[in-house]
Amino acid sequence: MDAADRVTVVVTANFSGFGVGQSVNRSSALVRPFRLLLDEGKPIGRINYLFHQRDKARVLGALCFTSWKRLLFFPSLVNRNPHWLAKGATLQTIGQTNELIDHLTLESDFNSFHATMLDPDNSRRDVLTSYKTRKILEGVTYWFGVSIQSENILEECPEEIRFVFSSSSKDSDRPIQIVKSSVGNSIDHIISLNPDASVIGSTFIHFDFIVDSRPRRMASFSSDSLRRQNLLDLTPMALAAPTGPPALRSTVSTPIQLPVRGYPVAIPSLQSTIWVISSVRAGDLVEKAVICGFQ
């Protein structure tokens, strides 16, 4: 196609009063959801941006519910390689050593999820074998967890991020309108730690993602009830957060109670509520970030 038949489109997202500075990082979790639209022509639905705030605002990731009824999560990690999956007592490399994790996809039946990988130049896509989720209660599914050594592992939130893409001049209106709809209707969520949580000594930060498909009036994971919660009320006996080698340098005791904070993410087109539960765990995490799941 002749260059004259192409148009350049600039998309800008603003987080005024929240982030700092400007960014053009196309690898950011704030931008990566649009790759499915711009590179593959797949609508991404409404974007829900998740932020973590303590010393400063950082990006935890982007959550989308697509038109093909799948939940996508784009993790925001400063270094997406290496990347590891903790499954019980094992620690497995995700993908090849030269691949970067792009997003996690929860299947429409909520029974499994898989990871989509990219080359460093975002040119090649590799879909990995599915991992099983775990049913906690009737209508409540444990999706995955992510552990990070510290907040520094997450991208800092910019005040403004902008990216450029090229489109056919004959078909430029359609992706532009979809981008506008996704950005214009995006919802920002602040996922903070419980004020009683202590991030000192040998500790790491952990986030659990739980899908609650019960009627929202029945949801028991309220913010008040999560202030200091018995973990066995939230997750199965085998907690997803690592408690020993090889993910941790040494074994730590499994807590019965600890300060946690839950945040409900409600997507209008999805009947379920996605609960993001933050906590601080004891132990020295070997890797900068570990994605946690069950066998």
Protein backbone atom coordinates (compact mmCIF):
# COMPACT_ATOMS: atom_id res chain seq x y z
CA MET A 1 0.00 0.00 0.00
CA ASP A 2 1.30 3.44 -0.92
CA ALA A 3 2.31 5.69 1.96
CA ALA A 4 -0.22 8.22 0.72
CA ASP A 5 -2.96 5.73 1.61
CA ARG A 6 -1.91 5.72 5.28
CA VAL A 7 -2.76 8.15 8.05
CA THR A 8 -1.02 8.67 11.37
CA VAL A 9 -3.16 8.81 14.47
CA VAL A 10 -1.98 10.09 17.87
CA VAL A 11 -3.80 8.85 20.96
CA THR A 12 -3.35 10.61 24.31
CA ALA A 13 -4.51 9.44 27.72
CA ASN A 14 -4.38 11.83 30.67
CA PHE A 15 -4.07 11.02 34.37
CA SER A 16 -4.03 14.65 35.49
CA GLY A 17 -3.33 15.21 39.16
CA PHE A 18 -2.36 11.58 39.63
CA GLY A 19 0.71 10.71 37.58
CA VAL A 20 3.89 12.65 36.88
CA GLY A 21 5.49 13.62 33.57
CA GLN A 22 4.84 12.44 30.02
CA SER A 23 5.46 9.05 28.45
CA VAL A 24 5.58 7.55 24.95
CA ASN A 25 6.35 4.02 26.17
CA ARG A 26 4.51 1.62 23.84
CA SER A 27 5.39 -1.28 26.15
CA SER A 28 3.46 0.25 29.04
CA ALA A 29 0.46 -1.66 30.36
CA LEU A 30 -1.47 1.55 29.69
CA VAL A 31 -0.86 1.09 25.96
CA ARG A 32 -0.46 -2.64 25.33
CA PRO A 33 -4.22 -3.40 25.27
CA PHE A 34 -4.44 -1.38 22.06
CA ARG A 35 -2.04 -3.77 20.31
CA LEU A 36 -4.89 -6.28 19.96
CA LEU A 37 -6.93 -3.61 18.24
CA LEU A 38 -4.24 -2.01 16.09
CA ASP A 39 -2.23 -5.11 15.18
CA GLU A 40 -4.94 -7.77 15.14
CA GLY A 41 -8.15 -5.79 14.64
CA LYS A 42 -9.72 -7.17 17.83
CA PRO A 43 -11.92 -4.83 19.90
CA ILE A 44 -10.71 -4.70 23.50
CA GLY A 45 -13.83 -3.39 25.22
CA ARG A 46 -13.75 -0.90 28.05
CA ILE A 47 -10.39 -0.56 29.78
CA ASN A 48 -10.14 -0.58 33.56
CA TYR A 49 -6.77 0.75 34.67
CA LEU A 50 -5.49 -0.51 38.04
CA PHE A 51 -3.04 1.64 39.97
CA HIS A 52 -1.10 1.00 43.15
CA GLN A 53 -0.33 3.96 45.37
CA ARG A 54 1.95 4.19 48.36
CA ASP A 55 5.00 6.43 47.99
CA LYS A 56 3.85 7.44 44.51
CA ALA A 57 1.31 6.34 41.92
CA ARG A 58 2.33 3.24 39.99
CA VAL A 59 0.57 1.16 37.35
CA LEU A 60 -0.52 -2.31 38.48
CA GLY A 61 -2.04 -3.24 35.12
CA ALA A 62 -4.95 -2.94 32.72
CA LEU A 63 -8.07 -5.10 32.90
CA CYS A 64 -10.39 -5.58 29.91
CA PHE A 65 -13.52 -7.62 29.18
CA THR A 66 -13.63 -8.36 25.48
CA SER A 67 -16.54 -8.86 23.11
CA TRP A 68 -15.63 -12.57 22.98
CA LYS A 69 -16.35 -12.84 26.74
CA ARG A 70 -12.80 -13.18 27.97
CA LEU A 71 -11.07 -11.26 30.73
CA LEU A 72 -7.62 -9.91 29.92
CA PHE A 73 -5.07 -8.59 32.38
CA PHE A 74 -1.97 -6.71 31.17
CA PRO A 75 0.53 -6.68 34.07
CA SER A 76 2.66 -3.58 34.56
CA LEU A 77 6.17 -4.74 35.31
CA VAL A 78 9.26 -2.63 34.65
CA ASN A 79 11.07 -5.74 33.42
CA ARG A 80 8.74 -8.33 31.85
CA ASN A 81 11.64 -10.73 31.32
CA PRO A 82 12.45 -12.95 33.11
CA HIS A 83 8.97 -13.94 34.25
CA TRP A 84 8.04 -16.85 36.46
CA LEU A 85 4.99 -18.85 37.41
CA ALA A 86 4.77 -20.36 40.89
CA LYS A 87 2.68 -23.55 40.95
CA GLY A 88 2.68 -25.17 44.34
CA ALA A 89 6.28 -26.00 45.24
CA THR A 90 7.65 -25.39 41.74
CA LEU A 91 8.86 -22.28 39.91
CA GLN A 92 8.56 -22.41 36.14
CA THR A 93 9.84 -20.05 33.47
CA ILE A 94 7.02 -18.60 31.38
CA GLY A 95 7.85 -18.77 27.68
CA GLN A 96 11.32 -18.47 26.18
CA THR A 97 14.07 -16.36 27.71
CA ASN A 98 13.76 -13.74 24.95
CA GLU A 99 9.97 -13.39 25.27
CA LEU A 100 8.04 -10.83 27.28
CA ILE A 101 4.72 -11.45 28.97
CA ASP A 102 1.98 -9.38 27.35
CA HIS A 103 -1.25 -10.40 29.09
CA LEU A 104 -3.15 -13.15 30.87
CA THR A 105 -6.47 -14.36 29.42
CA LEU A 106 -9.20 -15.91 31.55
CA GLU A 107 -11.40 -18.15 29.41
CA SER A 108 -15.14 -17.46 29.26
CA ASP A 109 -15.93 -20.51 31.44
CA PHE A 110 -13.49 -19.24 34.13
CA ASN A 111 -11.90 -22.73 34.31
CA SER A 112 -8.49 -21.84 32.91
CA PHE A 113 -6.23 -19.00 31.81
CA HIS A 114 -3.21 -18.68 29.57
CA ALA A 115 -0.35 -16.24 29.00
CA THR A 116 0.30 -14.44 25.72
CA MET A 117 3.96 -13.66 25.01
CA LEU A 118 5.65 -11.16 22.69
CA ASP A 119 9.14 -10.69 21.29
CA PRO A 120 10.95 -7.60 22.58
CA ASP A 121 9.92 -5.75 19.41
CA ASN A 122 6.26 -6.85 19.90
CA SER A 123 6.39 -8.62 16.51
CA ARG A 124 5.73 -12.26 17.43
CA ARG A 125 2.97 -13.74 19.55
CA ASP A 126 3.11 -17.03 21.43
CA VAL A 127 0.20 -18.42 23.45
CA LEU A 128 1.27 -20.73 26.25
CA THR A 129 -0.45 -23.80 27.60
CA SER A 130 -3.47 -23.07 29.77
CA TYR A 131 -3.26 -23.03 33.55
CA LYS A 132 -6.13 -24.11 35.74
CA THR A 133 -8.03 -21.75 38.01
CA ARG A 134 -9.47 -22.90 41.33
CA LYS A 135 -13.03 -22.77 42.59
CA ILE A 136 -13.19 -21.30 46.09
CA LEU A 137 -16.93 -21.20 46.63
CA GLU A 138 -19.95 -21.71 44.41
CA GLY A 139 -19.64 -18.87 41.92
CA VAL A 140 -16.25 -17.68 43.22
CA THR A 141 -13.07 -18.46 41.25
CA TYR A 142 -9.45 -17.82 42.14
CA TRP A 143 -7.85 -16.57 38.92
CA PHE A 144 -4.19 -15.80 39.70
CA GLY A 145 -1.87 -13.88 41.99
CA VAL A 146 1.21 -11.75 41.40
CA SER A 147 4.01 -11.18 43.89
CA ILE A 148 6.55 -8.36 43.58
CA GLN A 149 9.67 -7.57 45.59
CA SER A 150 8.65 -3.91 45.99
CA GLU A 151 6.65 -1.11 44.40
CA ASN A 152 9.72 -0.28 42.28
CA ILE A 153 8.91 -3.31 40.13
CA LEU A 154 5.81 -1.51 38.83
CA GLU A 155 5.85 1.28 36.23
CA GLU A 156 5.53 4.80 37.54
CA CYS A 157 2.28 6.40 36.43
CA PRO A 158 2.72 9.29 33.97
CA GLU A 159 0.43 12.29 33.96
CA GLU A 160 0.06 11.81 30.21
CA ILE A 161 0.86 8.95 27.89
CA ARG A 162 0.67 9.14 24.14
CA PHE A 163 1.19 6.65 21.37
CA VAL A 164 1.09 6.80 17.60
CA PHE A 165 -0.26 4.27 15.14
CA SER A 166 -0.67 4.12 11.39
CA SER A 167 -3.90 3.09 9.69
CA SER A 168 -5.34 2.80 6.24
CA SER A 169 -6.92 6.11 5.27
CA LYS A 170 -9.97 4.20 4.03
CA ASP A 171 -10.51 2.39 7.35
CA SER A 172 -9.07 4.83 9.85
CA ASP A 173 -12.41 5.92 11.35
CA ARG A 174 -13.30 2.50 12.77
CA PRO A 175 -10.17 1.92 14.94
CA ILE A 176 -10.13 5.59 15.91
CA GLN A 177 -13.69 5.38 17.22
CA ILE A 178 -12.94 2.15 19.10
CA VAL A 179 -9.83 3.70 20.65
CA LYS A 180 -11.79 6.79 21.67
CA SER A 181 -14.50 4.65 23.21
CA SER A 182 -12.03 2.52 25.17
CA VAL A 183 -9.98 5.47 26.40
CA GLY A 184 -12.91 7.81 26.92
CA ASN A 185 -14.82 5.28 29.00
CA SER A 186 -11.82 3.90 30.85
CA ILE A 187 -12.17 3.57 34.63
CA ASP A 188 -9.29 4.10 37.04
CA HIS A 189 -9.01 2.08 40.26
CA ILE A 190 -6.58 2.71 43.12
CA ILE A 191 -5.39 -0.52 44.77
CA SER A 192 -3.65 0.43 48.01
CA LEU A 193 -2.31 -1.58 50.93
CA ASN A 194 -4.02 -1.92 54.25
CA PRO A 195 -2.69 0.86 56.54
CA ASP A 196 -1.86 -1.81 59.14
CA ALA A 197 0.44 -3.63 56.69
CA SER A 198 4.16 -3.25 57.40
CA VAL A 199 6.52 -3.17 54.40
CA ILE A 200 9.76 -3.52 56.34
CA GLY A 201 12.27 -6.31 56.76
CA SER A 202 12.02 -9.43 54.63
CA THR A 203 8.66 -8.88 52.96
CA PHE A 204 7.09 -8.74 49.51
CA ILE A 205 3.82 -7.38 48.15
CA HIS A 206 1.17 -9.76 46.83
CA PHE A 207 -2.03 -9.21 44.83
CA ASP A 208 -4.78 -11.85 44.46
CA PHE A 209 -7.33 -11.71 41.63
CA ILE A 210 -10.66 -13.38 42.44
CA VAL A 211 -13.74 -13.48 40.19
CA ASP A 212 -17.02 -13.39 42.11
CA SER A 213 -19.96 -14.35 39.88
CA ARG A 214 -22.59 -14.33 42.61
CA PRO A 215 -25.21 -11.56 42.68
CA ARG A 216 -23.38 -8.46 43.86
CA ARG A 217 -25.63 -8.11 46.89
CA MET A 218 -24.29 -11.51 48.07
CA ALA A 219 -20.59 -10.66 47.68
CA SER A 220 -18.84 -11.17 51.01
CA PHE A 221 -15.49 -9.60 50.13
CA SER A 222 -16.44 -6.10 51.29
CA SER A 223 -13.69 -3.59 52.02
CA ASP A 224 -14.69 -3.46 55.71
CA SER A 225 -14.60 -7.23 56.16
CA LEU A 226 -11.16 -7.37 54.50
CA ARG A 227 -9.45 -5.06 56.96
CA ARG A 228 -7.88 -7.96 58.84
CA GLN A 229 -9.23 -11.12 57.36
CA ASN A 230 -8.73 -14.80 58.03
CA LEU A 231 -7.10 -15.91 54.78
CA LEU A 232 -8.92 -19.22 54.79
CA ASP A 233 -12.13 -17.24 54.20
CA LEU A 234 -10.64 -15.78 51.02
CA THR A 235 -8.53 -18.44 49.37
CA PRO A 236 -8.09 -22.23 49.51
CA MET A 237 -5.85 -23.87 52.11
CA ALA A 238 -3.00 -23.91 49.56
CA LEU A 239 -2.49 -20.16 49.23
CA ALA A 240 -1.25 -18.91 45.90
CA ALA A 241 1.35 -16.58 47.43
CA PRO A 242 4.69 -18.41 47.74
CA THR A 243 5.72 -19.52 51.24
CA GLY A 244 9.06 -21.20 50.52
CA PRO A 245 11.76 -22.16 48.01
CA PRO A 246 12.30 -21.90 45.14
CA ALA A 247 10.22 -18.69 44.90
CA LEU A 248 11.43 -17.59 48.36
CA ARG A 249 14.95 -17.93 49.70
CA SER A 250 13.70 -19.81 52.75
CA THR A 251 10.44 -21.20 54.11
CA VAL A 252 8.14 -18.90 56.07
CA SER A 253 5.15 -19.78 58.21
CA THR A 254 1.76 -19.60 56.51
CA PRO A 255 -0.19 -16.76 58.13
CA ILE A 256 -3.62 -17.39 59.57
CA GLN A 257 -4.49 -13.71 59.69
CA LEU A 258 -2.85 -10.62 58.25
CA PRO A 259 -3.90 -7.12 57.19
CA VAL A 260 -5.34 -7.19 53.68
CA ARG A 261 -7.37 -4.80 51.58
CA GLY A 262 -9.86 -5.75 48.89
CA TYR A 263 -10.99 -3.62 45.99
CA PRO A 264 -13.98 -4.53 43.81
CA VAL A 265 -13.65 -3.88 40.07
CA ALA A 266 -17.06 -3.86 38.41
CA ILE A 267 -17.19 -3.87 34.60
CA PRO A 268 -20.66 -2.89 33.31
CA SER A 269 -20.71 -5.55 30.58
CA LEU A 270 -19.59 -8.29 33.01
CA GLN A 271 -21.96 -9.63 35.64
CA SER A 272 -19.08 -10.78 37.85
CA THR A 273 -17.02 -8.65 40.20
CA ILE A 274 -13.23 -8.90 40.05
CA TRP A 275 -11.77 -8.56 43.52
CA VAL A 276 -8.15 -7.42 43.76
CA ILE A 277 -6.83 -8.20 47.24
CA SER A 278 -3.54 -6.66 48.34
CA SER A 279 -1.33 -7.87 51.19
CA VAL A 280 2.23 -7.80 52.44
CA ARG A 281 3.78 -11.24 52.96
CA ALA A 282 6.83 -12.41 54.87
CA GLY A 283 9.79 -13.78 52.93
CA ASP A 284 12.56 -12.88 50.48
CA LEU A 285 11.21 -13.21 46.94
CA VAL A 286 13.94 -14.61 44.68
CA GLU A 287 12.64 -13.01 41.47
CA LYS A 288 11.52 -9.44 40.97
CA ALA A 289 8.02 -10.65 40.08
CA VAL A 290 6.29 -14.01 40.22
CA ILE A 291 2.86 -14.88 38.80
CA CYS A 292 1.13 -17.33 41.10
CA GLY A 293 -1.36 -20.02 40.16
CA PHE A 294 -2.50 -23.51 41.06
CA GLN A 295 -1.94 -26.89 39.40
